[in-house]
Protein backbone atom coordinates (compact mmCIF):
# COMPACT_ATOMS: atom_id res chain seq x y z
CA MET A 1 -6.59 -8.56 -19.95
CA SER A 2 -6.26 -10.89 -16.94
CA LEU A 3 -7.85 -10.16 -13.57
CA LEU A 4 -4.47 -9.35 -11.99
CA SER A 5 -3.54 -7.04 -14.87
CA LEU A 6 -6.85 -5.23 -14.49
CA ASP A 7 -6.26 -5.04 -10.75
CA THR A 8 -2.84 -3.44 -11.30
CA ALA A 9 -4.23 -0.98 -13.86
CA LEU A 10 -7.01 0.07 -11.48
CA PHE A 11 -4.48 0.45 -8.67
CA ARG A 12 -2.35 2.80 -10.78
CA TRP A 13 -5.41 4.85 -11.73
CA ILE A 14 -6.41 5.33 -8.09
CA ASN A 15 -2.85 5.75 -6.80
CA HIS A 16 -1.60 8.07 -9.57
CA THR A 17 -4.38 9.59 -11.65
CA LEU A 18 -6.53 10.65 -8.70
CA ALA A 19 -3.55 12.05 -6.76
CA ALA A 20 -4.14 15.45 -5.16
CA PRO A 21 -2.85 17.06 -1.92
CA SER A 22 -6.37 17.40 -0.49
CA ILE A 23 -7.13 13.74 -1.18
CA ASP A 24 -3.77 12.77 0.37
CA ALA A 25 -4.85 14.32 3.68
CA LEU A 26 -8.29 12.71 3.53
CA ALA A 27 -6.82 9.29 2.72
CA ARG A 28 -4.40 9.51 5.64
CA GLY A 29 -7.27 10.39 7.97
CA LEU A 30 -9.45 7.55 6.73
CA THR A 31 -6.70 4.95 7.01
CA TRP A 32 -5.89 6.19 10.54
CA ALA A 33 -9.56 5.91 11.49
CA GLY A 34 -9.70 2.37 10.13
CA GLU A 35 -6.64 1.45 12.18
CA TYR A 36 -7.70 2.72 15.61
CA ALA A 37 -11.50 2.90 15.63
CA TRP A 38 -11.67 -0.79 16.62
CA LEU A 39 -10.48 0.18 20.12
CA PHE A 40 -14.07 1.24 20.86
CA ALA A 41 -15.01 -2.43 20.66
CA PHE A 42 -13.56 -2.95 24.12
CA LEU A 43 -16.41 -0.83 25.50
CA THR A 44 -18.75 -3.66 24.49
CA PRO A 45 -19.29 -5.33 27.91
CA PHE A 46 -20.06 -1.99 29.60
CA VAL A 47 -22.30 -0.50 26.92
CA TRP A 48 -24.16 -3.77 26.32
CA MET A 49 -25.34 -3.92 29.95
CA LYS A 50 -26.79 -0.39 29.72
CA THR A 51 -28.33 -0.60 26.24
CA ARG A 52 -31.80 -1.71 25.15
CA GLY A 53 -33.43 -2.16 21.75
CA PRO A 54 -31.68 -2.86 18.43
CA TRP A 55 -28.43 -1.27 19.60
CA ARG A 56 -28.10 -3.94 22.30
CA LEU A 57 -27.60 -6.59 19.63
CA PHE A 58 -24.97 -4.46 17.89
CA TRP A 59 -22.96 -4.01 21.08
CA ALA A 60 -23.38 -7.68 21.93
CA LEU A 61 -21.63 -8.66 18.72
CA LEU A 62 -19.17 -5.81 18.19
CA LEU A 63 -16.25 -7.26 20.14
CA PRO A 64 -16.53 -10.76 18.60
CA VAL A 65 -16.82 -9.25 15.11
CA VAL A 66 -13.79 -7.02 15.61
CA LEU A 67 -11.63 -9.78 17.12
CA ILE A 68 -12.34 -12.25 14.31
CA SER A 69 -12.09 -9.66 11.53
CA ASP A 70 -8.73 -8.53 12.93
CA ALA A 71 -7.23 -12.00 13.30
CA LEU A 72 -8.47 -13.91 10.26
CA PRO A 73 -6.98 -11.67 7.52
CA ASN A 74 -3.52 -12.02 9.09
CA LEU A 75 -3.69 -15.79 8.76
CA LEU A 76 -4.98 -15.60 5.19
CA LYS A 77 -2.16 -13.24 4.20
CA VAL A 78 0.50 -15.86 4.88
CA TRP A 79 -1.46 -18.42 2.88
CA PHE A 80 -1.86 -16.25 -0.22
CA GLU A 81 1.52 -14.44 0.06
CA ARG A 82 0.55 -11.64 -2.27
CA PRO A 83 3.05 -8.75 -2.07
CA ARG A 84 1.76 -5.27 -1.45
CA PRO A 85 1.93 -2.83 -4.40
CA PHE A 86 4.96 -0.95 -3.09
CA MET A 87 6.80 -4.29 -2.89
CA ALA A 88 6.18 -5.11 -6.53
CA LEU A 89 5.68 -1.86 -8.46
CA THR A 90 8.52 0.64 -8.60
CA ASP A 91 6.19 3.49 -9.52
CA THR A 92 4.02 3.13 -6.41
CA ARG A 93 3.25 6.46 -4.74
CA LEU A 94 3.27 6.01 -0.95
CA VAL A 95 1.21 8.73 0.70
CA MET A 96 2.19 7.92 4.29
CA PRO A 97 5.06 6.08 5.99
CA VAL A 98 4.86 2.30 5.93
CA THR A 99 4.93 0.83 9.42
CA VAL A 100 4.38 -2.86 8.61
CA LEU A 101 7.00 -4.12 6.21
CA SER A 102 7.06 -7.85 6.81
CA ASP A 103 3.55 -8.96 5.92
CA PHE A 104 1.66 -9.48 2.70
CA GLY A 105 -1.45 -7.72 1.46
CA PHE A 106 -4.27 -10.13 0.56
CA PRO A 107 -6.83 -9.69 2.01
CA SER A 108 -6.73 -6.20 3.50
CA GLY A 109 -7.14 -6.13 7.27
CA HIS A 110 -8.43 -2.55 7.27
CA ALA A 111 -11.08 -3.45 4.71
CA THR A 112 -12.12 -6.55 6.66
CA ASN A 113 -12.38 -4.66 9.97
CA SER A 114 -14.25 -1.65 8.63
CA MET A 115 -16.72 -3.59 6.51
CA ALA A 116 -17.38 -6.13 9.27
CA VAL A 117 -18.44 -3.34 11.64
CA ALA A 118 -20.40 -1.59 8.88
CA ALA A 119 -22.20 -4.80 7.95
CA LEU A 120 -23.01 -5.44 11.61
CA LEU A 121 -24.52 -1.95 11.84
CA ALA A 122 -26.52 -2.52 8.67
CA LEU A 123 -27.86 -5.83 10.00
CA THR A 124 -28.78 -4.59 13.47
CA ALA A 125 -29.19 -0.80 13.59
CA GLY A 126 -31.35 0.01 10.58
CA ARG A 127 -30.94 0.96 6.94
CA LEU A 128 -29.89 4.59 7.35
CA MET A 129 -27.15 3.91 9.88
CA GLY A 130 -26.08 0.87 7.89
CA ALA A 131 -25.86 2.87 4.64
CA VAL A 132 -23.72 5.55 6.30
CA ALA A 133 -21.45 2.92 7.86
CA VAL A 134 -21.03 1.00 4.61
CA ALA A 135 -20.21 4.23 2.75
CA ALA A 136 -17.58 5.06 5.38
CA ALA A 137 -16.13 1.54 5.11
CA VAL A 138 -15.90 1.85 1.32
CA LEU A 139 -13.96 5.10 1.75
CA VAL A 140 -11.56 3.37 4.16
CA CYS A 141 -11.08 0.62 1.57
CA LEU A 142 -10.36 3.13 -1.21
CA SER A 143 -7.93 5.00 1.04
CA ARG A 144 -5.81 1.86 1.39
CA VAL A 145 -5.45 1.67 -2.38
CA TYR A 146 -4.90 5.40 -2.74
CA ILE A 147 -2.03 5.52 -0.22
CA GLY A 148 -0.28 2.66 -2.02
CA VAL A 149 -0.42 -0.26 0.42
CA HIS A 150 -3.12 -2.45 -1.20
CA TYR A 151 -4.43 -3.45 -4.60
CA PRO A 152 -8.18 -3.03 -5.27
CA LEU A 153 -8.60 -6.81 -5.20
CA ASP A 154 -7.07 -6.90 -1.69
CA VAL A 155 -9.66 -4.51 -0.31
CA ALA A 156 -12.55 -6.07 -2.24
CA ALA A 157 -11.72 -9.48 -0.77
CA GLY A 158 -11.32 -7.96 2.68
CA ALA A 159 -14.68 -6.18 2.45
CA LEU A 160 -16.43 -9.39 1.40
CA LEU A 161 -14.73 -11.32 4.20
CA GLY A 162 -15.76 -8.68 6.74
CA ALA A 163 -19.40 -8.78 5.66
CA LEU A 164 -19.41 -12.58 5.86
CA ILE A 165 -17.92 -12.51 9.36
CA ALA A 166 -20.60 -10.11 10.60
CA TRP A 167 -23.39 -12.16 8.99
CA ALA A 168 -22.05 -15.48 10.35
CA LEU A 169 -21.65 -14.21 13.92
CA LEU A 170 -25.11 -12.63 13.86
CA LEU A 171 -26.57 -15.91 12.64
CA ALA A 172 -24.73 -17.84 15.38
CA HIS A 173 -25.93 -15.38 18.03
CA ARG A 174 -29.57 -15.69 16.99
CA ARG A 175 -29.37 -19.46 16.78
CA TRP A 176 -27.51 -20.28 20.01
CA VAL A 177 -27.27 -17.27 22.32
CA GLU A 178 -30.71 -15.61 22.13
CA PRO A 179 -32.69 -18.85 22.74
CA ALA A 180 -30.55 -19.71 25.80
CA ALA A 181 -32.22 -19.89 29.20
CA ASN A 182 -29.70 -17.33 30.52
CA PRO A 183 -28.80 -14.99 27.61
CA ARG A 184 -26.34 -12.97 29.72
CA ARG A 185 -24.35 -16.06 30.64
CA ALA A 186 -24.53 -17.28 27.06
CA PHE A 187 -23.23 -13.90 25.90
CA GLY A 188 -20.32 -14.17 28.32
CA TRP A 189 -19.43 -17.59 27.03
CA SER A 190 -19.68 -16.38 23.42
CA ILE A 191 -17.27 -13.53 24.19
CA ALA A 192 -14.86 -15.94 25.88
CA ALA A 193 -15.05 -18.34 22.94
CA THR A 194 -14.45 -15.52 20.47
CA VAL A 195 -11.41 -14.26 22.39
CA ALA A 196 -10.03 -17.80 22.48
CA LEU A 197 -10.64 -18.25 18.75
CA GLY A 198 -9.06 -14.87 17.97
CA LEU A 199 -5.98 -15.72 20.04
CA LEU A 200 -5.75 -19.14 18.38
CA ILE A 201 -5.81 -17.56 14.92
CA GLN A 202 -3.16 -15.02 15.98
CA VAL A 203 -0.94 -17.82 17.30
CA ALA A 204 -1.36 -19.73 14.05
CA TRP A 205 -0.42 -16.55 12.16
CA ARG A 206 2.73 -16.13 14.24
CA VAL A 207 3.72 -19.76 13.70
CA GLU A 208 3.06 -19.71 9.96
CA ARG A 209 4.16 -16.12 9.30
CA HIS A 210 6.49 -15.70 6.34
CA GLU A 211 8.76 -12.72 5.83
CA VAL A 212 8.57 -10.81 2.57
CA PRO A 213 11.30 -11.65 0.04
CA SER A 214 14.75 -10.43 1.08
CA ALA A 215 15.13 -8.63 -2.26
CA TYR A 216 13.22 -5.69 -0.82
CA SER A 217 15.17 -2.97 0.89
CA ALA A 218 15.13 -2.21 4.61
CA THR A 219 12.42 0.39 3.99
CA GLY A 220 10.17 -2.18 2.35
CA LEU A 221 10.53 -0.44 -1.04
CA PRO A 222 12.03 -1.87 -4.19
CA GLU A 223 14.59 0.44 -5.73
CA GLY A 224 12.92 3.34 -7.49
CA ALA A 225 9.64 3.37 -5.56
CA ASN A 226 8.36 6.75 -4.46
CA SER A 227 7.28 7.79 -0.99
CA THR A 228 5.20 10.90 -0.39
CA PRO A 229 5.48 11.99 3.27
C-alpha cells in the first residue's frame, strides 16, 4: 500500500468509523478554537512589556510565530496543489460548512498555527504547559481530519512545519535579539521584520494562487459528497 493510499484509508477511518454526534460537536469546537485563538497574538506588545521570567520570552515570540505560521502554509498549498478530501472523495462526511472553497489542503494551516504556538510554549514555558499545549494542538489537528477538510498527511506536515517555525524563530531570537545592546529596540525591529516577511509571503500567495479545478461544484463538493450540518 502506497503512502497516499494509507493516508486515504486513515482519513476514512477517522472521518467515518469514529463518527458520533458528541465527537461532531467537539470537533467543531476544536476547529473553531484553532481558527480564532491566534487573535490573542496581537496582545503581544502589551503583555511583553508587563511580563517577566520565562513567559516574557513566549510573548516576545508569539506574534512572529503566529504571523509566519499563518502565511507560510498558504504559499506551500499553491505549490503542492493537493485537493482537500471533500474535493476528491465522494464519500467524505463534512461535519461543518466549508467556508474556503478555492484553496488546496497541504499543509494544513490550522495544524501549523496550533503546533507552532504549542511548540513555542513547550520551548519557553516549561514541560507541563508544553505537554498540555501540544496535546491540545494534536486534538485540533485530528479535528481537521474528522470534519472532512484535511487528510492525516496534511495535518502531520502542518504540525511538523509549525514546530520547525517555533524552533527557528526561538533560535534566531537567542542568537541576534537577546545579545543586542538594546533588546527592546531589537525586539521591535524583529517584530517589524516578521510583519514584513508575513506580508511578503501573503502577497506571493495571492500572486501565485491557483483556483481548484472547475470540475467541482459551486459548493466545493464533487457530486455525491455528504455534508453534515
